Amino acid sequence: MIFKKLVVGAFAVNCYILADSEAKEGVVIDPGADTDLVISTIQCLNLKINYILNTHGHFDHSGGNKKLAEATGAPIMVHKGDALFLEQASSAAVAYGMKADNSKATQFLEDGMLLHFGGQTLKVIHTPGHSPGGCCLYLETEAKLISGDTLFEESIGRTDLPGGSVDELIESIKTKLLVLPEDTEVFPGHGPSTTIFHEKNYNPYLRDIY
């Protein structure tokens, strides 16, 4: 199993490359920027990319979709609830004095969907709250969860952006993430990794749950 993290863009987004080490098939998750670095890493690993996946549609996570899709031929996937964000990435980035390419989803993520690459399988978990279409991606065989901007080390995603809801976010985390095995490693959209056990016990935003 290949599991590679690249920190990209001015907002230090964690872009993940996951691949089956034997089949050399993989996925790229949240290619927000620095697309040349992402492409060169894929080439160095000699990978065929099956999917470009966005945990949500905000420009810092999706701004490199277009260029990566052109380089790999892989479909761009996001939940329908965030599809419009991809198409407005450029104007959203300008508001922060930054640049991002607009893109368009060619397929949509759905709750419970299974995505295959080689002998590996990712399960889509829809976790609205940070954004309407926010999703986490669960690699059960490796006990790894890509949590996007839903869950961070001792923190949760912001909910003050369009479509955000703190109640929805807490409900998503409580009912869909904290029920996973406690030894599950959590790899968020920004910052360091953590575990479900750690967040159950030490995340101040979740104290009223456990």
Protein backbone atom coordinates (compact mmCIF):
# COMPACT_ATOMS: atom_id res chain seq x y z
CA MET A 1 0.00 0.00 0.00
CA ILE A 2 1.30 3.44 -0.99
CA PHE A 3 0.16 6.30 1.23
CA LYS A 4 1.72 9.65 0.45
CA LYS A 5 0.92 13.08 1.91
CA LEU A 6 1.87 16.30 0.12
CA VAL A 7 1.27 19.67 1.77
CA VAL A 8 0.13 22.05 -0.99
CA GLY A 9 -0.80 25.70 -1.41
CA ALA A 10 -0.78 28.74 0.82
CA PHE A 11 -3.39 27.18 3.13
CA ALA A 12 -1.20 24.09 3.69
CA VAL A 13 -3.75 21.57 2.46
CA ASN A 14 -2.93 17.91 2.93
CA CYS A 15 -3.16 16.27 -0.49
CA TYR A 16 -3.07 12.49 -0.31
CA ILE A 17 -1.98 9.95 -2.92
CA LEU A 18 -3.16 6.42 -2.17
CA ALA A 19 -2.27 3.47 -4.35
CA ASP A 20 -2.13 -0.30 -4.54
CA SER A 21 1.60 -1.03 -4.56
CA GLU A 22 1.22 -4.11 -6.77
CA ALA A 23 -1.36 -2.93 -9.30
CA LYS A 24 0.08 0.61 -9.34
CA GLU A 25 -3.45 2.03 -9.43
CA GLY A 26 -4.35 4.89 -7.15
CA VAL A 27 -6.35 7.97 -6.25
CA VAL A 28 -5.49 11.59 -5.50
CA ILE A 29 -7.43 13.29 -2.73
CA ASP A 30 -7.71 17.10 -2.51
CA PRO A 31 -5.19 18.37 -5.09
CA GLY A 32 -5.72 21.98 -4.10
CA ALA A 33 -2.56 23.51 -5.55
CA ASP A 34 1.06 22.81 -6.52
CA THR A 35 -0.24 20.49 -9.22
CA ASP A 36 3.18 20.06 -10.82
CA LEU A 37 4.42 18.54 -7.56
CA VAL A 38 1.44 16.19 -7.44
CA ILE A 39 1.95 15.14 -11.06
CA SER A 40 5.69 14.58 -10.64
CA THR A 41 5.05 12.45 -7.54
CA ILE A 42 2.55 10.33 -9.45
CA GLN A 43 5.05 9.90 -12.26
CA CYS A 44 7.87 8.97 -9.87
CA LEU A 45 5.64 6.31 -8.32
CA ASN A 46 4.60 5.13 -11.81
CA LEU A 47 0.91 5.23 -10.95
CA LYS A 48 -2.30 5.11 -12.95
CA ILE A 49 -4.80 7.43 -11.23
CA ASN A 50 -8.34 6.04 -11.19
CA TYR A 51 -10.03 8.99 -9.44
CA ILE A 52 -9.44 12.58 -8.39
CA LEU A 53 -11.41 12.93 -5.16
CA ASN A 54 -12.44 16.08 -3.32
CA THR A 55 -13.44 15.70 0.32
CA HIS A 56 -15.29 18.97 -0.25
CA GLY A 57 -15.42 21.69 -2.88
CA HIS A 58 -13.57 24.62 -1.33
CA PHE A 59 -10.96 26.06 -3.68
CA ASP A 60 -7.97 25.29 -1.47
CA HIS A 61 -8.82 21.58 -1.84
CA SER A 62 -10.01 21.58 -5.45
CA GLY A 63 -7.98 24.28 -7.24
CA GLY A 64 -5.68 21.76 -8.95
CA ASN A 65 -8.42 19.45 -10.24
CA LYS A 66 -8.46 20.70 -13.81
CA LYS A 67 -4.74 20.45 -14.46
CA LEU A 68 -4.49 17.07 -12.76
CA ALA A 69 -7.42 15.70 -14.74
CA GLU A 70 -5.79 16.86 -17.97
CA ALA A 71 -2.54 15.13 -16.99
CA THR A 72 -4.03 11.84 -15.80
CA GLY A 73 -7.36 11.46 -17.59
CA ALA A 74 -8.96 10.59 -14.25
CA PRO A 75 -12.53 11.65 -13.44
CA ILE A 76 -13.11 14.44 -10.90
CA MET A 77 -15.42 13.42 -8.07
CA VAL A 78 -17.14 15.43 -5.34
CA HIS A 79 -20.49 15.16 -3.56
CA LYS A 80 -23.34 16.92 -5.38
CA GLY A 81 -23.78 19.25 -2.44
CA ASP A 82 -20.43 20.86 -3.21
CA ALA A 83 -20.41 20.65 -7.00
CA LEU A 84 -20.95 24.38 -7.47
CA PHE A 85 -17.91 25.22 -5.34
CA LEU A 86 -15.66 23.52 -7.91
CA GLU A 87 -17.13 25.63 -10.70
CA GLN A 88 -16.56 28.84 -8.70
CA ALA A 89 -13.07 28.07 -7.38
CA SER A 90 -11.38 30.88 -9.30
CA SER A 91 -13.62 33.65 -7.99
CA ALA A 92 -13.46 32.25 -4.44
CA ALA A 93 -9.66 32.24 -4.56
CA VAL A 94 -9.52 35.84 -5.82
CA ALA A 95 -11.29 36.96 -2.64
CA TYR A 96 -8.21 35.73 -0.74
CA GLY A 97 -5.74 37.19 -3.24
CA MET A 98 -5.01 33.74 -4.61
CA LYS A 99 -5.48 31.75 -7.82
CA ALA A 100 -7.30 28.49 -8.49
CA ASP A 101 -8.71 26.82 -11.59
CA ASN A 102 -12.42 26.14 -11.94
CA SER A 103 -13.31 22.52 -12.58
CA LYS A 104 -16.43 20.43 -13.07
CA ALA A 105 -17.28 17.12 -11.46
CA THR A 106 -17.55 14.27 -13.95
CA GLN A 107 -18.90 11.84 -11.32
CA PHE A 108 -20.45 12.31 -7.89
CA LEU A 109 -19.58 10.85 -4.52
CA GLU A 110 -22.46 9.30 -2.59
CA ASP A 111 -22.70 8.10 0.99
CA GLY A 112 -21.70 4.44 1.19
CA MET A 113 -20.15 4.38 -2.30
CA LEU A 114 -17.14 2.08 -2.72
CA LEU A 115 -14.21 3.24 -4.86
CA HIS A 116 -11.73 0.61 -6.05
CA PHE A 117 -8.09 0.99 -7.07
CA GLY A 118 -6.17 -2.23 -7.56
CA GLY A 119 -6.99 -4.44 -4.58
CA GLN A 120 -7.85 -1.48 -2.34
CA THR A 121 -11.27 -0.02 -1.56
CA LEU A 122 -12.28 3.39 -0.19
CA LYS A 123 -15.71 3.87 1.35
CA VAL A 124 -17.37 7.29 1.04
CA ILE A 125 -18.88 8.68 4.24
CA HIS A 126 -20.99 11.81 3.72
CA THR A 127 -20.30 14.18 6.64
CA PRO A 128 -22.04 17.52 6.06
CA GLY A 129 -21.39 20.44 8.36
CA HIS A 130 -18.21 22.11 7.19
CA SER A 131 -19.92 22.22 3.81
CA PRO A 132 -23.11 20.60 2.49
CA GLY A 133 -21.23 17.98 0.47
CA GLY A 134 -18.36 17.28 2.82
CA CYS A 135 -17.20 13.66 2.76
CA CYS A 136 -14.66 11.46 4.52
CA LEU A 137 -12.96 8.52 2.84
CA TYR A 138 -12.44 5.31 4.82
CA LEU A 139 -9.80 2.72 4.00
CA GLU A 140 -11.05 -0.01 6.32
CA THR A 141 -8.40 -2.63 5.57
CA GLU A 142 -5.67 -0.18 6.61
CA ALA A 143 -7.69 1.44 9.44
CA LYS A 144 -7.20 4.88 7.90
CA LEU A 145 -9.71 7.73 7.49
CA ILE A 146 -9.20 10.78 5.27
CA SER A 147 -11.35 13.31 7.13
CA GLY A 148 -11.04 16.42 4.96
CA ASP A 149 -12.09 19.48 6.95
CA THR A 150 -14.62 17.57 9.06
CA LEU A 151 -12.35 16.42 11.90
CA PHE A 152 -8.90 17.64 12.95
CA GLU A 153 -6.53 16.84 15.78
CA GLU A 154 -8.41 18.18 18.83
CA SER A 155 -10.56 20.38 16.61
CA ILE A 156 -13.36 20.34 14.03
CA GLY A 157 -13.98 22.12 10.74
CA ARG A 158 -15.15 25.72 10.65
CA THR A 159 -18.86 26.23 10.03
CA ASP A 160 -19.05 29.94 9.20
CA LEU A 161 -18.69 29.48 5.43
CA PRO A 162 -21.69 29.19 3.07
CA GLY A 163 -23.65 26.02 3.76
CA GLY A 164 -21.87 25.33 7.04
CA SER A 165 -23.71 24.11 10.14
CA VAL A 166 -22.17 23.36 13.52
CA ASP A 167 -25.13 21.13 14.47
CA GLU A 168 -24.77 19.10 11.28
CA LEU A 169 -21.02 18.83 11.72
CA ILE A 170 -21.23 17.54 15.29
CA GLU A 171 -23.96 15.09 14.26
CA SER A 172 -21.82 13.85 11.35
CA ILE A 173 -18.81 13.30 13.60
CA LYS A 174 -20.85 11.67 16.36
CA THR A 175 -22.86 9.25 14.22
CA LYS A 176 -20.44 8.47 11.40
CA LEU A 177 -16.86 8.92 12.59
CA LEU A 178 -16.68 8.27 16.32
CA VAL A 179 -18.37 4.89 15.74
CA LEU A 180 -15.32 3.70 13.78
CA PRO A 181 -12.73 1.50 15.54
CA GLU A 182 -10.77 3.55 18.06
CA ASP A 183 -7.41 2.61 16.50
CA THR A 184 -8.44 4.18 13.18
CA GLU A 185 -5.86 6.73 12.07
CA VAL A 186 -7.39 10.05 11.02
CA PHE A 187 -5.71 12.09 8.28
CA PRO A 188 -7.30 15.56 8.07
CA GLY A 189 -7.30 18.20 5.36
CA HIS A 190 -4.84 20.35 7.31
CA GLY A 191 -2.39 19.64 10.10
CA PRO A 192 -1.20 16.43 11.75
CA SER A 193 -2.84 13.04 11.90
CA THR A 194 -4.66 11.72 14.95
CA THR A 195 -6.82 8.73 15.93
CA ILE A 196 -10.47 8.17 16.71
CA PHE A 197 -9.47 7.20 20.26
CA HIS A 198 -7.59 10.47 20.76
CA GLU A 199 -10.46 12.60 19.49
CA LYS A 200 -13.01 10.78 21.64
CA ASN A 201 -10.93 11.51 24.71
CA TYR A 202 -9.20 14.84 24.05
CA ASN A 203 -11.15 16.84 21.46
CA PRO A 204 -12.71 19.78 23.39
CA TYR A 205 -15.48 20.17 20.81
CA LEU A 206 -16.66 16.62 21.46
CA ARG A 207 -16.64 16.55 25.25
CA ASP A 208 -20.43 16.55 25.53
CA ILE A 209 -20.64 13.43 23.38
CA TYR A 210 -18.39 11.10 25.40
